[in-house]
Amino acid sequence: QVQLVESGGGLVQPGGSLRLSCTVSGRIVGIVSMGWYRQAPGEQRALVARIMNSGNAIYADSVKGRFTISRDNARNTVDLQMNSLKPEETAVYYCYVGRVGPDYWGQGTQVSVSL
């Protein structure tokens, strides 16, 4: 049984930093990428960053230079370091595993950026 468990969300002031971590358990065949999406209230879920099997990382334009995604294949984890956070980045952040077939998703972790 596959499980994705996120951690590291919380409340942070504008300009602050958070590090999200996602641990994947269970056997997954055909992984293509791992990464993070976010969904703010009333908005569609949107890509934040993904990292391919090659190690190539892809970022949403709005987070380039501030967020860094990393992946540890031995530990089956994917992390997202978020710096210089903005209030408009308040959202639920979801870890995902992209594969040949249906993707797997975590339950999400809330990130709130506010004074």
Protein backbone atom coordinates (compact mmCIF):
# COMPACT_ATOMS: atom_id res chain seq x y z
CA GLN A 1 0.00 0.00 0.00
CA VAL A 2 1.45 3.33 -1.09
CA GLN A 3 1.41 6.28 1.29
CA LEU A 4 2.73 9.80 0.92
CA VAL A 5 3.05 11.68 4.20
CA GLU A 6 3.87 15.38 4.23
CA SER A 7 5.29 17.33 7.13
CA GLY A 8 6.73 20.74 7.85
CA GLY A 9 3.81 23.03 7.18
CA GLY A 10 2.77 25.76 9.55
CA LEU A 11 2.48 29.48 10.11
CA VAL A 12 5.32 31.74 9.07
CA GLN A 13 5.71 35.50 8.73
CA PRO A 14 6.20 37.09 5.32
CA GLY A 15 9.83 36.75 4.30
CA GLY A 16 10.26 33.65 6.42
CA SER A 17 11.20 30.11 5.50
CA LEU A 18 9.72 26.66 5.80
CA ARG A 19 10.90 23.26 4.74
CA LEU A 20 8.34 20.69 3.63
CA SER A 21 9.17 17.02 3.58
CA CYS A 22 7.34 14.11 1.99
CA THR A 23 8.05 10.49 2.81
CA VAL A 24 6.84 7.83 0.41
CA SER A 25 6.20 4.32 1.64
CA GLY A 26 5.23 1.29 -0.38
CA ARG A 27 6.46 0.11 -3.72
CA ILE A 28 5.82 2.34 -6.73
CA VAL A 29 6.61 1.20 -10.26
CA GLY A 30 7.26 3.54 -13.14
CA ILE A 31 8.10 6.73 -11.27
CA VAL A 32 8.72 9.63 -13.62
CA SER A 33 8.90 12.55 -11.21
CA MET A 34 8.21 13.67 -7.66
CA GLY A 35 7.24 17.07 -6.46
CA TRP A 36 4.86 19.53 -4.94
CA TYR A 37 1.66 21.27 -5.91
CA ARG A 38 -0.32 23.82 -3.93
CA GLN A 39 -3.93 24.88 -3.79
CA ALA A 40 -5.15 28.14 -2.33
CA PRO A 41 -8.81 28.62 -1.37
CA GLY A 42 -10.96 29.08 -4.45
CA GLU A 43 -8.13 28.29 -6.83
CA GLN A 44 -7.01 25.30 -8.83
CA ARG A 45 -4.15 23.10 -7.72
CA ALA A 46 -0.96 24.33 -9.34
CA LEU A 47 2.54 23.02 -9.76
CA VAL A 48 5.17 24.44 -7.43
CA ALA A 49 8.14 22.27 -8.32
CA ARG A 50 8.96 18.84 -9.63
CA ILE A 51 12.14 16.85 -9.88
CA MET A 52 12.60 14.27 -12.58
CA ASN A 53 14.39 10.92 -12.29
CA SER A 54 17.33 12.59 -14.00
CA GLY A 55 17.56 15.09 -11.17
CA ASN A 56 16.39 17.93 -13.38
CA ALA A 57 14.20 20.31 -11.38
CA ILE A 58 11.33 22.35 -12.77
CA TYR A 59 9.85 25.31 -10.91
CA ALA A 60 6.86 27.53 -11.28
CA ASP A 61 8.05 30.96 -12.41
CA SER A 62 6.73 32.57 -9.24
CA VAL A 63 9.02 30.52 -6.98
CA LYS A 64 12.24 30.44 -9.00
CA GLY A 65 15.18 31.60 -6.95
CA ARG A 66 13.33 31.20 -3.66
CA PHE A 67 12.30 27.54 -3.51
CA THR A 68 14.52 24.51 -3.85
CA ILE A 69 13.33 20.97 -4.38
CA SER A 70 15.45 17.97 -3.47
CA ARG A 71 14.96 14.24 -3.66
CA ASP A 72 16.57 11.35 -1.83
CA ASN A 73 15.87 8.13 -3.69
CA ALA A 74 17.44 5.97 -1.00
CA ARG A 75 15.11 7.37 1.65
CA ASN A 76 12.15 7.86 -0.70
CA THR A 77 11.75 11.47 0.27
CA VAL A 78 11.20 14.71 -1.57
CA ASP A 79 11.71 18.02 0.21
CA LEU A 80 10.84 21.59 -0.62
CA GLN A 81 12.84 24.42 0.93
CA MET A 82 10.81 27.61 0.73
CA ASN A 83 12.46 30.96 1.41
CA SER A 84 11.18 34.53 1.28
CA LEU A 85 7.61 33.36 1.57
CA LYS A 86 4.79 35.70 0.57
CA PRO A 87 1.25 35.98 1.95
CA GLU A 88 -0.20 34.95 -1.40
CA GLU A 89 1.59 31.62 -1.07
CA THR A 90 -0.75 30.59 1.70
CA ALA A 91 -2.17 27.28 0.53
CA VAL A 92 -2.36 23.58 1.12
CA TYR A 93 0.78 22.00 -0.28
CA TYR A 94 0.53 18.50 -1.73
CA CYS A 95 3.29 16.04 -2.38
CA TYR A 96 2.89 13.86 -5.44
CA VAL A 97 4.57 11.04 -7.29
CA GLY A 98 4.18 11.14 -11.05
CA ARG A 99 4.32 7.83 -12.78
CA VAL A 100 3.30 5.85 -15.84
CA GLY A 101 -0.25 5.40 -14.69
CA PRO A 102 -2.23 7.27 -12.05
CA ASP A 103 -0.25 9.63 -9.87
CA TYR A 104 -0.08 9.28 -6.11
CA TRP A 105 -0.90 12.20 -3.83
CA GLY A 106 -0.41 13.05 -0.19
CA GLN A 107 -3.11 14.47 2.05
CA GLY A 108 -1.59 17.93 2.02
CA THR A 109 -0.03 20.21 4.59
CA GLN A 110 -1.17 23.75 5.33
CA VAL A 111 1.25 26.61 4.84
CA SER A 112 0.09 29.99 6.10
CA VAL A 113 2.11 33.14 5.51
CA SER A 114 0.88 35.97 7.70
CA LEU A 115 1.93 38.54 10.26
